[in-house]
C-alpha atoms as a PDB file:
ATOM      1  CA  UNK A   1     100.827  21.344 115.771  1.00  0.00           C
ATOM      2  CA  UNK A   2      99.514  18.453 117.611  1.00  0.00           C
ATOM      3  CA  UNK A   3     102.957  16.515 117.973  1.00  0.00           C
ATOM      4  CA  UNK A   4     102.799  15.064 114.446  1.00  0.00           C
ATOM      5  CA  UNK A   5     105.696  15.534 112.645  1.00  0.00           C
ATOM      6  CA  UNK A   6     105.321  16.758 109.065  1.00  0.00           C
ATOM      7  CA  UNK A   7     107.781  15.867 106.744  1.00  0.00           C
ATOM      8  CA  UNK A   8     107.891  17.649 103.141  1.00  0.00           C
ATOM      9  CA  UNK A   9     109.628  15.977 100.247  1.00  0.00           C
ATOM     10  CA  UNK A  10     110.125  12.558 101.732  1.00  0.00           C
ATOM     11  CA  UNK A  11     108.837   9.898  99.540  1.00  0.00           C
ATOM     12  CA  UNK A  12     108.002   6.349 100.529  1.00  0.00           C
ATOM     13  CA  UNK A  13     110.835   3.816 100.812  1.00  0.00           C
ATOM     14  CA  UNK A  14     111.308   1.522  97.693  1.00  0.00           C
ATOM     15  CA  UNK A  15     112.364  -2.373  98.444  1.00  0.00           C
ATOM     16  CA  UNK A  16     114.363  -4.596  95.874  1.00  0.00           C
ATOM     17  CA  UNK A  17     114.220  -8.248  96.137  1.00  0.00           C
ATOM     18  CA  UNK A  18     117.675 -10.154  95.770  1.00  0.00           C
ATOM     19  CA  UNK A  19     118.646 -11.005  92.362  1.00  0.00           C
ATOM     20  CA  UNK A  20     118.276 -14.578  91.640  1.00  0.00           C
ATOM     21  CA  UNK A  21     121.056 -16.954  90.218  1.00  0.00           C
ATOM     22  CA  UNK A  22     121.528 -16.435  86.857  1.00  0.00           C
ATOM     23  CA  UNK A  23     121.234 -20.191  86.166  1.00  0.00           C
ATOM     24  CA  UNK A  24     117.754 -20.070  87.429  1.00  0.00           C
ATOM     25  CA  UNK A  25     116.830 -17.705  85.072  1.00  0.00           C
ATOM     26  CA  UNK A  26     118.088 -19.747  82.277  1.00  0.00           C
ATOM     27  CA  UNK A  27     116.660 -22.783  83.470  1.00  0.00           C
ATOM     28  CA  UNK A  28     113.445 -20.973  83.347  1.00  0.00           C
ATOM     29  CA  UNK A  29     113.671 -19.207  80.102  1.00  0.00           C
ATOM     30  CA  UNK A  30     114.433 -22.750  78.350  1.00  0.00           C
ATOM     31  CA  UNK A  31     111.496 -24.238  80.095  1.00  0.00           C
ATOM     32  CA  UNK A  32     109.322 -20.974  78.529  1.00  0.00           C
ATOM     33  CA  UNK A  33     111.112 -21.191  75.289  1.00  0.00           C
ATOM     34  CA  UNK A  34     108.581 -21.137  72.364  1.00  0.00           C
ATOM     35  CA  UNK A  35     105.448 -19.757  74.111  1.00  0.00           C
ATOM     36  CA  UNK A  36     103.969 -22.960  74.461  1.00  0.00           C
ATOM     37  CA  UNK A  37     101.246 -23.070  77.070  1.00  0.00           C
ATOM     38  CA  UNK A  38     100.618 -27.171  76.992  1.00  0.00           C
ATOM     39  CA  UNK A  39     101.326 -29.756  79.927  1.00  0.00           C
ATOM     40  CA  UNK A  40     105.099 -30.175  78.798  1.00  0.00           C
ATOM     41  CA  UNK A  41     105.305 -26.412  79.206  1.00  0.00           C
ATOM     42  CA  UNK A  42     103.596 -26.518  82.579  1.00  0.00           C
ATOM     43  CA  UNK A  43     105.830 -29.542  83.743  1.00  0.00           C
ATOM     44  CA  UNK A  44     109.082 -28.043  82.649  1.00  0.00           C
ATOM     45  CA  UNK A  45     108.189 -24.782  84.639  1.00  0.00           C
ATOM     46  CA  UNK A  46     107.285 -27.183  87.616  1.00  0.00           C
ATOM     47  CA  UNK A  47     110.524 -28.614  87.382  1.00  0.00           C
ATOM     48  CA  UNK A  48     112.686 -25.249  87.962  1.00  0.00           C
ATOM     49  CA  UNK A  49     109.998 -24.441  90.902  1.00  0.00           C
ATOM     50  CA  UNK A  50     110.367 -28.114  92.456  1.00  0.00           C
ATOM     51  CA  UNK A  51     114.307 -27.254  91.977  1.00  0.00           C
ATOM     52  CA  UNK A  52     114.110 -23.653  93.130  1.00  0.00           C
ATOM     53  CA  UNK A  53     111.124 -23.126  95.302  1.00  0.00           C
ATOM     54  CA  UNK A  54     112.228 -19.570  96.434  1.00  0.00           C
ATOM     55  CA  UNK A  55     112.271 -18.371  92.738  1.00  0.00           C
ATOM     56  CA  UNK A  56     108.935 -16.471  92.555  1.00  0.00           C
ATOM     57  CA  UNK A  57     109.036 -15.683  88.704  1.00  0.00           C
ATOM     58  CA  UNK A  58     108.785 -19.761  88.348  1.00  0.00           C
ATOM     59  CA  UNK A  59     105.679 -19.903  90.576  1.00  0.00           C
ATOM     60  CA  UNK A  60     104.228 -16.870  88.786  1.00  0.00           C
ATOM     61  CA  UNK A  61     105.036 -18.707  85.189  1.00  0.00           C
ATOM     62  CA  UNK A  62     103.069 -21.578  86.491  1.00  0.00           C
ATOM     63  CA  UNK A  63     100.154 -19.619  87.510  1.00  0.00           C
ATOM     64  CA  UNK A  64     100.198 -17.808  84.482  1.00  0.00           C
ATOM     65  CA  UNK A  65     100.178 -21.422  82.464  1.00  0.00           C
ATOM     66  CA  UNK A  66      97.609 -22.619  84.394  1.00  0.00           C
ATOM     67  CA  UNK A  67      94.166 -23.546  82.613  1.00  0.00           C
ATOM     68  CA  UNK A  68      92.281 -24.164  85.895  1.00  0.00           C
ATOM     69  CA  UNK A  69      91.449 -21.520  88.081  1.00  0.00           C
ATOM     70  CA  UNK A  70      92.225 -23.314  91.193  1.00  0.00           C
ATOM     71  CA  UNK A  71      95.612 -24.239  90.012  1.00  0.00           C
ATOM     72  CA  UNK A  72      96.377 -20.796  88.810  1.00  0.00           C
ATOM     73  CA  UNK A  73      95.147 -19.734  92.443  1.00  0.00           C
ATOM     74  CA  UNK A  74      97.241 -21.997  94.416  1.00  0.00           C
ATOM     75  CA  UNK A  75     100.358 -21.388  92.292  1.00  0.00           C
ATOM     76  CA  UNK A  76     100.072 -17.609  92.170  1.00  0.00           C
ATOM     77  CA  UNK A  77      99.360 -17.863  96.254  1.00  0.00           C
ATOM     78  CA  UNK A  78     102.532 -19.862  96.889  1.00  0.00           C
ATOM     79  CA  UNK A  79     104.336 -16.817  94.827  1.00  0.00           C
ATOM     80  CA  UNK A  80     102.715 -14.279  96.743  1.00  0.00           C
ATOM     81  CA  UNK A  81     103.384 -15.710 100.102  1.00  0.00           C
ATOM     82  CA  UNK A  82     106.769 -16.594  99.407  1.00  0.00           C
ATOM     83  CA  UNK A  83     107.400 -13.169  98.062  1.00  0.00           C
ATOM     84  CA  UNK A  84     106.030 -11.409 100.972  1.00  0.00           C
ATOM     85  CA  UNK A  85     108.522 -13.472 103.299  1.00  0.00           C
ATOM     86  CA  UNK A  86     111.341 -12.359 100.583  1.00  0.00           C
ATOM     87  CA  UNK A  87     110.223  -8.921 100.938  1.00  0.00           C
ATOM     88  CA  UNK A  88     110.343  -8.807 104.724  1.00  0.00           C
ATOM     89  CA  UNK A  89     113.940 -10.459 104.645  1.00  0.00           C
ATOM     90  CA  UNK A  90     114.846  -7.399 102.189  1.00  0.00           C
ATOM     91  CA  UNK A  91     113.901  -5.053 104.942  1.00  0.00           C
ATOM     92  CA  UNK A  92     110.541  -4.279 103.925  1.00  0.00           C
ATOM     93  CA  UNK A  93     107.975  -3.462 106.545  1.00  0.00           C
ATOM     94  CA  UNK A  94     104.729  -3.596 104.869  1.00  0.00           C
ATOM     95  CA  UNK A  95     104.653  -0.105 103.214  1.00  0.00           C
ATOM     96  CA  UNK A  96     106.617   1.529 100.238  1.00  0.00           C
ATOM     97  CA  UNK A  97     107.081   0.951  96.811  1.00  0.00           C
ATOM     98  CA  UNK A  98     107.935  -2.557  95.382  1.00  0.00           C
ATOM     99  CA  UNK A  99     108.681  -1.643  91.453  1.00  0.00           C
ATOM    100  CA  UNK A 100     108.052  -3.401  88.399  1.00  0.00           C
ATOM    101  CA  UNK A 101     111.048  -1.852  86.838  1.00  0.00           C
ATOM    102  CA  UNK A 102     113.417  -3.529  89.065  1.00  0.00           C
ATOM    103  CA  UNK A 103     113.831  -7.107  87.566  1.00  0.00           C
ATOM    104  CA  UNK A 104     114.043  -8.951  91.100  1.00  0.00           C
ATOM    105  CA  UNK A 105     111.021  -7.695  91.981  1.00  0.00           C
ATOM    106  CA  UNK A 106     108.749  -9.100  88.651  1.00  0.00           C
ATOM    107  CA  UNK A 107     108.308 -12.382  90.193  1.00  0.00           C
ATOM    108  CA  UNK A 108     106.367 -11.506  93.032  1.00  0.00           C
ATOM    109  CA  UNK A 109     104.545  -8.665  91.249  1.00  0.00           C
ATOM    110  CA  UNK A 110     103.544 -11.366  88.524  1.00  0.00           C
ATOM    111  CA  UNK A 111     102.500 -13.637  91.402  1.00  0.00           C
ATOM    112  CA  UNK A 112     100.144 -11.029  92.970  1.00  0.00           C
ATOM    113  CA  UNK A 113      98.708  -9.939  89.341  1.00  0.00           C
ATOM    114  CA  UNK A 114      98.293 -13.773  88.697  1.00  0.00           C
ATOM    115  CA  UNK A 115      96.361 -13.740  92.329  1.00  0.00           C
ATOM    116  CA  UNK A 116      94.080 -11.250  91.418  1.00  0.00           C
ATOM    117  CA  UNK A 117      93.243 -12.595  87.921  1.00  0.00           C
ATOM    118  CA  UNK A 118      92.632 -16.171  89.588  1.00  0.00           C
ATOM    119  CA  UNK A 119      90.471 -14.689  92.521  1.00  0.00           C
ATOM    120  CA  UNK A 120      88.540 -12.915  90.148  1.00  0.00           C
ATOM    121  CA  UNK A 121      88.116 -16.182  87.969  1.00  0.00           C
ATOM    122  CA  UNK A 122      87.012 -17.966  91.164  1.00  0.00           C
ATOM    123  CA  UNK A 123      84.448 -15.316  92.171  1.00  0.00           C
ATOM    124  CA  UNK A 124      86.156 -13.792  94.704  1.00  0.00           C
ATOM    125  CA  UNK A 125      85.789 -10.301  93.727  1.00  0.00           C
ATOM    126  CA  UNK A 126      87.025  -8.838  96.825  1.00  0.00           C
ATOM    127  CA  UNK A 127      90.097 -10.674  96.882  1.00  0.00           C
ATOM    128  CA  UNK A 128      90.693  -9.795  93.448  1.00  0.00           C
ATOM    129  CA  UNK A 129      90.493  -5.959  94.068  1.00  0.00           C
ATOM    130  CA  UNK A 130      92.361  -5.961  97.136  1.00  0.00           C
ATOM    131  CA  UNK A 131      95.527  -7.769  94.949  1.00  0.00           C
ATOM    132  CA  UNK A 132      94.706  -4.904  92.337  1.00  0.00           C
ATOM    133  CA  UNK A 133      94.810  -2.339  95.083  1.00  0.00           C
ATOM    134  CA  UNK A 134      97.963  -3.618  96.453  1.00  0.00           C
ATOM    135  CA  UNK A 135      99.687  -3.982  93.140  1.00  0.00           C
ATOM    136  CA  UNK A 136      98.554  -0.101  92.398  1.00  0.00           C
ATOM    137  CA  UNK A 137     100.094   0.781  95.606  1.00  0.00           C
ATOM    138  CA  UNK A 138     103.490  -0.961  95.292  1.00  0.00           C
ATOM    139  CA  UNK A 139     104.101   0.835  92.346  1.00  0.00           C
ATOM    140  CA  UNK A 140     101.394   3.662  91.340  1.00  0.00           C
ATOM    141  CA  UNK A 141     103.595   4.373  88.006  1.00  0.00           C
ATOM    142  CA  UNK A 142     101.910   0.800  86.333  1.00  0.00           C
ATOM    143  CA  UNK A 143      98.209   0.121  86.373  1.00  0.00           C
ATOM    144  CA  UNK A 144      98.092  -4.061  87.425  1.00  0.00           C
ATOM    145  CA  UNK A 145     101.293  -4.696  86.101  1.00  0.00           C
ATOM    146  CA  UNK A 146     101.045  -2.919  82.733  1.00  0.00           C
ATOM    147  CA  UNK A 147     102.576   0.694  82.095  1.00  0.00           C
ATOM    148  CA  UNK A 148      99.648   2.920  82.094  1.00  0.00           C
ATOM    149  CA  UNK A 149      98.385   3.333  78.470  1.00  0.00           C
ATOM    150  CA  UNK A 150     101.106   0.733  77.071  1.00  0.00           C
ATOM    151  CA  UNK A 151     100.814  -3.198  76.845  1.00  0.00           C
ATOM    152  CA  UNK A 152     103.378  -3.785  79.587  1.00  0.00           C
ATOM    153  CA  UNK A 153     104.519  -7.244  80.478  1.00  0.00           C
END
């Protein structure tokens, strides 16, 4: 062989983000209770994000609630970049799995999915495709944040 080590049976590593405080989750749940998608809901979620700017699920929720593509893109990009920082702090080296089944990862993955969707709405097809590819690489068992063949989140 040419000096390259062949490692059979080794799977990519998996990174799980740290749990967020339960109080933050309760605040976001209260802000999104009832499924409203109006200005009051967006304001309530923005208050959660403002109080806890490292809470990735709040940024994802803001992106999902945004009616304007530029707003959705901006919120999603904040969640995505804060998520990359959090992943690196958790030991992620730029490759390996970040799975949806791990609840602490959902805010980052939802932000990335929202970024793909917002980029597409803005006509940024290349960025939208890069984000979708990244989602598939992070968790190949899921299809763009949804279980393959099922509804998902």
